Amino acid sequence: PSTVSSCDDSSLVLTTDYGKLSREMVYAMHPSSVQGVEDMSTLTELHEAAIMHNLYLRYQKDSIYTNIGSILAAVNPYKQIQGLYDSASVDLYSKHQLGELPPHIFAIANECYRCLWKRHDSQCVLISGESGAGKTESTKLLLKFLSVMSQYSLGTPPSESTTRVEQALVQSSPIMEAFGNAKTVYNNNSSRFGKFIQLNFSQNGNIQGGCIIDCILHQFILSYCVFTVS
């Protein structure tokens, strides 16, 4: 954001933290953007600058998840955030509908599970982003939540199960990463391939099976190392 330094009939001078900016890069800022919001679809001024500033404000508070209507925007914190993904968080978000709690990937997973189980409608989650954005970790978190919900549907505490289908799906990630990941300048463990994961649920809400299909393998990174990539 910038502040007004001077104003007269012919000119307006603004002070920013980034030096000189062209007029095309300056946007109006509504007072609602000062503190940041959990759902950016409620912003009065909805443009690139308002979105980036809102994400920045929330990132400074370790609030890495922000809603844009039914879309969840996630910012990779590149650090561990205490209690963000523990069993207490899983239990909390499993008992609330979407929008009742702060934005979280568990809220998205729970909404999919609710719609799948109650409406008997197939659900699809698309995770996209640039390299290092955290797509692979987000996928693991979705699988973790659905795995716990599956075991709860059978009345089995997650800690007591180590051989179920859902556990096999969760634990398959390191195996695929060993063959399809590489170190890049943006990410120490970057996936060089895409994944389509399909889960099959019973009418009771537990995982019966699933499959993982790999695609768009980036063979160049895996077979040849450039100076900045290993």
C-alpha atoms as a PDB file:
ATOM      1  CA  PRO A   1       0.000   0.000   0.000  1.00  0.00           C
ATOM      2  CA  SER A   2       0.990   3.643  -0.422  1.00  0.00           C
ATOM      3  CA  THR A   3       0.183   6.871   1.387  1.00  0.00           C
ATOM      4  CA  VAL A   4      -0.623  10.299  -0.005  1.00  0.00           C
ATOM      5  CA  SER A   5       2.325  12.697   0.394  1.00  0.00           C
ATOM      6  CA  SER A   6       0.803  15.714  -1.309  1.00  0.00           C
ATOM      7  CA  CYS A   7      -2.218  16.592  -3.361  1.00  0.00           C
ATOM      8  CA  ASP A   8      -3.213  19.644  -5.413  1.00  0.00           C
ATOM      9  CA  ASP A   9      -5.437  20.455  -8.368  1.00  0.00           C
ATOM     10  CA  SER A  10      -3.047  19.015 -10.947  1.00  0.00           C
ATOM     11  CA  SER A  11      -1.050  16.260  -9.247  1.00  0.00           C
ATOM     12  CA  LEU A  12      -1.105  13.579  -6.592  1.00  0.00           C
ATOM     13  CA  VAL A  13       2.114  12.318  -4.967  1.00  0.00           C
ATOM     14  CA  LEU A  14       2.107   8.900  -3.292  1.00  0.00           C
ATOM     15  CA  THR A  15       4.819   7.354  -1.102  1.00  0.00           C
ATOM     16  CA  THR A  16       5.448   3.616  -1.505  1.00  0.00           C
ATOM     17  CA  ASP A  17       7.910   1.061  -0.158  1.00  0.00           C
ATOM     18  CA  TYR A  18       8.983   0.079  -3.671  1.00  0.00           C
ATOM     19  CA  GLY A  19      10.276   3.301  -5.203  1.00  0.00           C
ATOM     20  CA  LYS A  20       8.731   4.830  -8.308  1.00  0.00           C
ATOM     21  CA  LEU A  21       5.747   3.150  -9.928  1.00  0.00           C
ATOM     22  CA  SER A  22       3.936   3.850 -13.157  1.00  0.00           C
ATOM     23  CA  ARG A  23       0.383   5.111 -13.022  1.00  0.00           C
ATOM     24  CA  GLU A  24      -0.874   1.832 -14.504  1.00  0.00           C
ATOM     25  CA  MET A  25       0.418  -0.044 -11.430  1.00  0.00           C
ATOM     26  CA  VAL A  26      -1.541   2.048  -8.920  1.00  0.00           C
ATOM     27  CA  TYR A  27      -4.992   0.849  -7.852  1.00  0.00           C
ATOM     28  CA  ALA A  28      -7.599   2.160  -5.466  1.00  0.00           C
ATOM     29  CA  MET A  29      -7.529   0.627  -1.980  1.00  0.00           C
ATOM     30  CA  HIS A  30     -10.705   0.195   0.035  1.00  0.00           C
ATOM     31  CA  PRO A  31     -10.525   0.407   3.874  1.00  0.00           C
ATOM     32  CA  SER A  32     -11.689  -3.224   4.037  1.00  0.00           C
ATOM     33  CA  SER A  33      -8.319  -4.258   2.573  1.00  0.00           C
ATOM     34  CA  VAL A  34      -6.295  -2.805   5.452  1.00  0.00           C
ATOM     35  CA  GLN A  35      -6.773  -5.682   7.912  1.00  0.00           C
ATOM     36  CA  GLY A  36      -7.210  -8.530   5.445  1.00  0.00           C
ATOM     37  CA  VAL A  37     -10.160 -10.872   4.965  1.00  0.00           C
ATOM     38  CA  GLU A  38     -10.619 -14.652   5.016  1.00  0.00           C
ATOM     39  CA  ASP A  39     -12.685 -14.670   1.818  1.00  0.00           C
ATOM     40  CA  MET A  40     -11.372 -12.418  -0.925  1.00  0.00           C
ATOM     41  CA  SER A  41     -14.655 -12.549  -2.827  1.00  0.00           C
ATOM     42  CA  THR A  42     -15.911 -10.103  -0.176  1.00  0.00           C
ATOM     43  CA  LEU A  43     -13.296  -7.470  -1.041  1.00  0.00           C
ATOM     44  CA  THR A  44     -14.867  -4.256  -2.285  1.00  0.00           C
ATOM     45  CA  GLU A  45     -11.951  -3.633  -4.651  1.00  0.00           C
ATOM     46  CA  LEU A  46     -11.188  -6.964  -6.323  1.00  0.00           C
ATOM     47  CA  HIS A  47      -8.067  -6.680  -8.470  1.00  0.00           C
ATOM     48  CA  GLU A  48      -4.547  -8.102  -8.558  1.00  0.00           C
ATOM     49  CA  ALA A  49      -3.117  -5.581  -6.083  1.00  0.00           C
ATOM     50  CA  ALA A  50      -5.881  -6.180  -3.519  1.00  0.00           C
ATOM     51  CA  ILE A  51      -5.493  -9.952  -3.803  1.00  0.00           C
ATOM     52  CA  MET A  52      -1.707  -9.861  -3.418  1.00  0.00           C
ATOM     53  CA  HIS A  53      -1.889  -7.466  -0.470  1.00  0.00           C
ATOM     54  CA  ASN A  54      -4.501  -9.587   1.279  1.00  0.00           C
ATOM     55  CA  LEU A  55      -2.435 -12.747   0.819  1.00  0.00           C
ATOM     56  CA  TYR A  56       0.623 -10.898   2.140  1.00  0.00           C
ATOM     57  CA  LEU A  57      -1.199  -9.687   5.266  1.00  0.00           C
ATOM     58  CA  ARG A  58      -2.445 -13.181   6.064  1.00  0.00           C
ATOM     59  CA  TYR A  59       0.943 -14.732   5.321  1.00  0.00           C
ATOM     60  CA  GLN A  60       2.528 -12.409   7.890  1.00  0.00           C
ATOM     61  CA  LYS A  61       0.127 -13.889  10.471  1.00  0.00           C
ATOM     62  CA  ASP A  62       0.879 -17.496   9.410  1.00  0.00           C
ATOM     63  CA  SER A  63      -2.619 -17.683   7.918  1.00  0.00           C
ATOM     64  CA  ILE A  64      -1.540 -19.417   4.728  1.00  0.00           C
ATOM     65  CA  TYR A  65      -5.041 -20.340   3.548  1.00  0.00           C
ATOM     66  CA  THR A  66      -7.508 -17.852   2.069  1.00  0.00           C
ATOM     67  CA  ASN A  67     -10.837 -18.465   0.373  1.00  0.00           C
ATOM     68  CA  ILE A  68     -11.894 -16.954  -2.938  1.00  0.00           C
ATOM     69  CA  GLY A  69     -15.486 -18.082  -2.913  1.00  0.00           C
ATOM     70  CA  SER A  70     -15.334 -21.867  -3.312  1.00  0.00           C
ATOM     71  CA  ILE A  71     -11.633 -21.738  -4.277  1.00  0.00           C
ATOM     72  CA  LEU A  72      -8.896 -22.115  -1.661  1.00  0.00           C
ATOM     73  CA  ALA A  73      -5.650 -20.185  -2.187  1.00  0.00           C
ATOM     74  CA  ALA A  74      -2.653 -21.630  -0.331  1.00  0.00           C
ATOM     75  CA  VAL A  75       0.716 -19.929   0.180  1.00  0.00           C
ATOM     76  CA  ASN A  76       3.696 -22.168   0.918  1.00  0.00           C
ATOM     77  CA  PRO A  77       5.084 -21.016   4.305  1.00  0.00           C
ATOM     78  CA  TYR A  78       8.369 -22.938   3.884  1.00  0.00           C
ATOM     79  CA  LYS A  79       8.261 -23.724   7.596  1.00  0.00           C
ATOM     80  CA  GLN A  80       6.344 -25.804  10.102  1.00  0.00           C
ATOM     81  CA  ILE A  81       3.286 -24.127  11.644  1.00  0.00           C
ATOM     82  CA  GLN A  82       2.501 -25.614  15.029  1.00  0.00           C
ATOM     83  CA  GLY A  83      -0.844 -27.389  15.254  1.00  0.00           C
ATOM     84  CA  LEU A  84      -1.974 -26.614  11.714  1.00  0.00           C
ATOM     85  CA  TYR A  85      -2.328 -30.226  10.588  1.00  0.00           C
ATOM     86  CA  ASP A  86      -2.487 -32.239  13.813  1.00  0.00           C
ATOM     87  CA  SER A  87      -5.234 -34.687  14.771  1.00  0.00           C
ATOM     88  CA  ALA A  88      -7.076 -31.972  16.694  1.00  0.00           C
ATOM     89  CA  SER A  89      -7.387 -29.915  13.493  1.00  0.00           C
ATOM     90  CA  VAL A  90      -8.678 -32.931  11.587  1.00  0.00           C
ATOM     91  CA  ASP A  91     -11.281 -33.573  14.274  1.00  0.00           C
ATOM     92  CA  LEU A  92     -12.295 -29.899  14.420  1.00  0.00           C
ATOM     93  CA  TYR A  93     -12.835 -29.424  10.690  1.00  0.00           C
ATOM     94  CA  SER A  94     -14.641 -32.745  10.359  1.00  0.00           C
ATOM     95  CA  LYS A  95     -17.414 -31.380  12.611  1.00  0.00           C
ATOM     96  CA  HIS A  96     -18.040 -28.100  10.776  1.00  0.00           C
ATOM     97  CA  GLN A  97     -19.307 -27.150   7.361  1.00  0.00           C
ATOM     98  CA  LEU A  98     -17.393 -25.067   4.850  1.00  0.00           C
ATOM     99  CA  GLY A  99     -17.243 -21.427   5.938  1.00  0.00           C
ATOM    100  CA  GLU A 100     -17.859 -22.002   9.647  1.00  0.00           C
ATOM    101  CA  LEU A 101     -14.139 -22.083  10.473  1.00  0.00           C
ATOM    102  CA  PRO A 102     -11.104 -20.214   9.084  1.00  0.00           C
ATOM    103  CA  PRO A 103      -9.979 -21.312   5.594  1.00  0.00           C
ATOM    104  CA  HIS A 104      -8.109 -24.617   5.604  1.00  0.00           C
ATOM    105  CA  ILE A 105      -7.408 -27.460   3.218  1.00  0.00           C
ATOM    106  CA  PHE A 106      -9.162 -29.768   5.685  1.00  0.00           C
ATOM    107  CA  ALA A 107     -12.326 -27.708   5.188  1.00  0.00           C
ATOM    108  CA  ILE A 108     -12.180 -28.432   1.445  1.00  0.00           C
ATOM    109  CA  ALA A 109     -11.543 -32.129   2.079  1.00  0.00           C
ATOM    110  CA  ASN A 110     -14.420 -32.299   4.547  1.00  0.00           C
ATOM    111  CA  GLU A 111     -16.812 -30.604   2.116  1.00  0.00           C
ATOM    112  CA  CYS A 112     -15.920 -33.158  -0.560  1.00  0.00           C
ATOM    113  CA  TYR A 113     -16.402 -36.010   1.882  1.00  0.00           C
ATOM    114  CA  ARG A 114     -19.784 -34.678   3.030  1.00  0.00           C
ATOM    115  CA  CYS A 115     -21.061 -34.249  -0.528  1.00  0.00           C
ATOM    116  CA  LEU A 116     -19.757 -37.666  -1.530  1.00  0.00           C
ATOM    117  CA  TRP A 117     -21.316 -39.479   1.408  1.00  0.00           C
ATOM    118  CA  LYS A 118     -24.616 -37.624   1.788  1.00  0.00           C
ATOM    119  CA  ARG A 119     -25.442 -36.767  -1.830  1.00  0.00           C
ATOM    120  CA  HIS A 120     -23.734 -39.772  -3.421  1.00  0.00           C
ATOM    121  CA  ASP A 121     -22.165 -37.458  -6.001  1.00  0.00           C
ATOM    122  CA  SER A 122     -18.638 -37.968  -7.306  1.00  0.00           C
ATOM    123  CA  GLN A 123     -16.265 -35.193  -6.249  1.00  0.00           C
ATOM    124  CA  CYS A 124     -13.175 -33.748  -7.919  1.00  0.00           C
ATOM    125  CA  VAL A 125     -10.423 -31.595  -6.413  1.00  0.00           C
ATOM    126  CA  LEU A 126      -8.026 -29.809  -8.769  1.00  0.00           C
ATOM    127  CA  ILE A 127      -4.719 -28.712  -7.232  1.00  0.00           C
ATOM    128  CA  SER A 128      -2.682 -26.364  -9.415  1.00  0.00           C
ATOM    129  CA  GLY A 129       0.201 -23.945  -8.962  1.00  0.00           C
ATOM    130  CA  GLU A 130       3.763 -23.197  -9.984  1.00  0.00           C
ATOM    131  CA  SER A 131       6.777 -25.241  -8.911  1.00  0.00           C
ATOM    132  CA  GLY A 132       7.330 -25.064  -5.165  1.00  0.00           C
ATOM    133  CA  ALA A 133       3.790 -23.909  -4.403  1.00  0.00           C
ATOM    134  CA  GLY A 134       3.070 -26.982  -2.281  1.00  0.00           C
ATOM    135  CA  LYS A 135       0.826 -29.028  -4.576  1.00  0.00           C
ATOM    136  CA  THR A 136       2.275 -32.387  -3.533  1.00  0.00           C
ATOM    137  CA  GLU A 137       2.016 -31.618   0.174  1.00  0.00           C
ATOM    138  CA  SER A 138      -1.555 -30.386  -0.292  1.00  0.00           C
ATOM    139  CA  THR A 139      -2.404 -33.686  -1.969  1.00  0.00           C
ATOM    140  CA  LYS A 140      -0.936 -35.592   0.967  1.00  0.00           C
ATOM    141  CA  LEU A 141      -3.000 -33.528   3.407  1.00  0.00           C
ATOM    142  CA  LEU A 142      -6.197 -34.228   1.472  1.00  0.00           C
ATOM    143  CA  LEU A 143      -5.433 -37.946   1.513  1.00  0.00           C
ATOM    144  CA  LYS A 144      -4.614 -37.771   5.209  1.00  0.00           C
ATOM    145  CA  PHE A 145      -7.963 -36.195   6.050  1.00  0.00           C
ATOM    146  CA  LEU A 146      -9.958 -38.601   3.874  1.00  0.00           C
ATOM    147  CA  SER A 147      -8.039 -41.521   5.348  1.00  0.00           C
ATOM    148  CA  VAL A 148      -8.979 -40.487   8.877  1.00  0.00           C
ATOM    149  CA  MET A 149     -12.617 -39.964   7.898  1.00  0.00           C
ATOM    150  CA  SER A 150     -12.656 -43.393   6.280  1.00  0.00           C
ATOM    151  CA  GLN A 151     -11.441 -45.034   9.457  1.00  0.00           C
ATOM    152  CA  TYR A 152     -13.873 -43.060  11.598  1.00  0.00           C
ATOM    153  CA  SER A 153     -16.724 -44.362   9.430  1.00  0.00           C
ATOM    154  CA  LEU A 154     -15.733 -47.871  10.487  1.00  0.00           C
ATOM    155  CA  GLY A 155     -15.389 -46.901  14.132  1.00  0.00           C
ATOM    156  CA  THR A 156     -11.642 -47.517  14.039  1.00  0.00           C
ATOM    157  CA  PRO A 157      -9.224 -44.987  15.557  1.00  0.00           C
ATOM    158  CA  PRO A 158      -6.565 -44.041  12.965  1.00  0.00           C
ATOM    159  CA  SER A 159      -3.721 -44.967  15.305  1.00  0.00           C
ATOM    160  CA  GLU A 160      -4.868 -48.600  15.380  1.00  0.00           C
ATOM    161  CA  SER A 161      -4.709 -49.176  11.628  1.00  0.00           C
ATOM    162  CA  THR A 162      -1.496 -49.658   9.666  1.00  0.00           C
ATOM    163  CA  THR A 163      -2.452 -51.977   6.798  1.00  0.00           C
ATOM    164  CA  ARG A 164      -5.708 -50.553   5.421  1.00  0.00           C
ATOM    165  CA  VAL A 165      -6.188 -49.452   1.832  1.00  0.00           C
ATOM    166  CA  GLU A 166      -6.211 -45.771   2.767  1.00  0.00           C
ATOM    167  CA  GLN A 167      -2.874 -46.103   4.551  1.00  0.00           C
ATOM    168  CA  ALA A 168      -1.359 -47.779   1.499  1.00  0.00           C
ATOM    169  CA  LEU A 169      -2.469 -44.851  -0.666  1.00  0.00           C
ATOM    170  CA  VAL A 170      -0.990 -42.298   1.720  1.00  0.00           C
ATOM    171  CA  GLN A 171       2.283 -44.183   2.033  1.00  0.00           C
ATOM    172  CA  SER A 172       2.668 -44.591  -1.735  1.00  0.00           C
ATOM    173  CA  SER A 173       3.778 -40.962  -2.137  1.00  0.00           C
ATOM    174  CA  PRO A 174       7.424 -41.440  -1.035  1.00  0.00           C
ATOM    175  CA  ILE A 175       7.813 -44.339  -3.488  1.00  0.00           C
ATOM    176  CA  MET A 176       6.598 -42.269  -6.426  1.00  0.00           C
ATOM    177  CA  GLU A 177       8.681 -39.288  -5.309  1.00  0.00           C
ATOM    178  CA  ALA A 178      11.814 -41.446  -5.297  1.00  0.00           C
ATOM    179  CA  PHE A 179      11.418 -42.067  -9.033  1.00  0.00           C
ATOM    180  CA  GLY A 180       9.750 -38.869 -10.198  1.00  0.00           C
ATOM    181  CA  ASN A 181      11.042 -35.974  -8.083  1.00  0.00           C
ATOM    182  CA  ALA A 182      14.078 -33.736  -8.510  1.00  0.00           C
ATOM    183  CA  LYS A 183      15.752 -30.805  -6.787  1.00  0.00           C
ATOM    184  CA  THR A 184      15.213 -27.441  -8.480  1.00  0.00           C
ATOM    185  CA  VAL A 185      16.124 -23.852  -7.671  1.00  0.00           C
ATOM    186  CA  TYR A 186      12.600 -23.341  -6.295  1.00  0.00           C
ATOM    187  CA  ASN A 187      12.008 -26.618  -4.491  1.00  0.00           C
ATOM    188  CA  ASN A 188      14.273 -29.239  -2.939  1.00  0.00           C
ATOM    189  CA  ASN A 189      11.744 -31.991  -3.657  1.00  0.00           C
ATOM    190  CA  SER A 190       9.907 -30.931  -6.793  1.00  0.00           C
ATOM    191  CA  SER A 191       7.521 -33.345  -8.513  1.00  0.00           C
ATOM    192  CA  ARG A 192       8.459 -33.750 -12.166  1.00  0.00           C
ATOM    193  CA  PHE A 193       5.210 -35.463 -13.070  1.00  0.00           C
ATOM    194  CA  GLY A 194       1.471 -35.051 -12.663  1.00  0.00           C
ATOM    195  CA  LYS A 195      -0.800 -37.405 -10.765  1.00  0.00           C
ATOM    196  CA  PHE A 196      -4.429 -38.418 -11.116  1.00  0.00           C
ATOM    197  CA  ILE A 197      -5.623 -40.058  -7.898  1.00  0.00           C
ATOM    198  CA  GLN A 198      -8.950 -41.852  -7.804  1.00  0.00           C
ATOM    199  CA  LEU A 199     -10.517 -43.059  -4.555  1.00  0.00           C
ATOM    200  CA  ASN A 200     -13.487 -45.400  -4.363  1.00  0.00           C
ATOM    201  CA  PHE A 201     -15.748 -45.139  -1.316  1.00  0.00           C
ATOM    202  CA  SER A 202     -18.407 -47.493  -0.005  1.00  0.00           C
ATOM    203  CA  GLN A 203     -21.903 -46.309   0.906  1.00  0.00           C
ATOM    204  CA  ASN A 204     -20.767 -46.265   4.533  1.00  0.00           C
ATOM    205  CA  GLY A 205     -18.088 -43.681   3.768  1.00  0.00           C
ATOM    206  CA  ASN A 206     -14.929 -45.759   3.977  1.00  0.00           C
ATOM    207  CA  ILE A 207     -12.296 -46.116   1.261  1.00  0.00           C
ATOM    208  CA  GLN A 208     -12.632 -49.401  -0.638  1.00  0.00           C
ATOM    209  CA  GLY A 209      -9.824 -48.890  -3.110  1.00  0.00           C
ATOM    210  CA  GLY A 210      -8.155 -46.476  -5.457  1.00  0.00           C
ATOM    211  CA  CYS A 211      -5.610 -45.943  -8.184  1.00  0.00           C
ATOM    212  CA  ILE A 212      -2.851 -43.477  -8.990  1.00  0.00           C
ATOM    213  CA  ILE A 213      -2.048 -42.629 -12.606  1.00  0.00           C
ATOM    214  CA  ASP A 214       1.127 -40.679 -13.372  1.00  0.00           C
ATOM    215  CA  CYS A 215       1.384 -38.394 -16.383  1.00  0.00           C
ATOM    216  CA  ILE A 216       3.439 -35.618 -18.038  1.00  0.00           C
ATOM    217  CA  LEU A 217       6.772 -36.918 -16.757  1.00  0.00           C
ATOM    218  CA  HIS A 218       9.473 -34.246 -17.132  1.00  0.00           C
ATOM    219  CA  GLN A 219      12.205 -36.607 -18.351  1.00  0.00           C
ATOM    220  CA  PHE A 220      14.769 -33.879 -19.041  1.00  0.00           C
ATOM    221  CA  ILE A 221      15.131 -32.968 -15.358  1.00  0.00           C
ATOM    222  CA  LEU A 222      15.410 -36.627 -14.372  1.00  0.00           C
ATOM    223  CA  SER A 223      17.993 -37.601 -16.959  1.00  0.00           C
ATOM    224  CA  TYR A 224      20.131 -34.487 -17.292  1.00  0.00           C
ATOM    225  CA  CYS A 225      21.342 -32.037 -14.647  1.00  0.00           C
ATOM    226  CA  VAL A 226      21.813 -28.388 -15.477  1.00  0.00           C
ATOM    227  CA  PHE A 227      24.007 -26.112 -13.366  1.00  0.00           C
ATOM    228  CA  THR A 228      21.270 -24.953 -10.962  1.00  0.00           C
ATOM    229  CA  VAL A 229      19.268 -28.197 -10.800  1.00  0.00           C
ATOM    230  CA  SER A 230      20.142 -31.584  -9.336  1.00  0.00           C
END
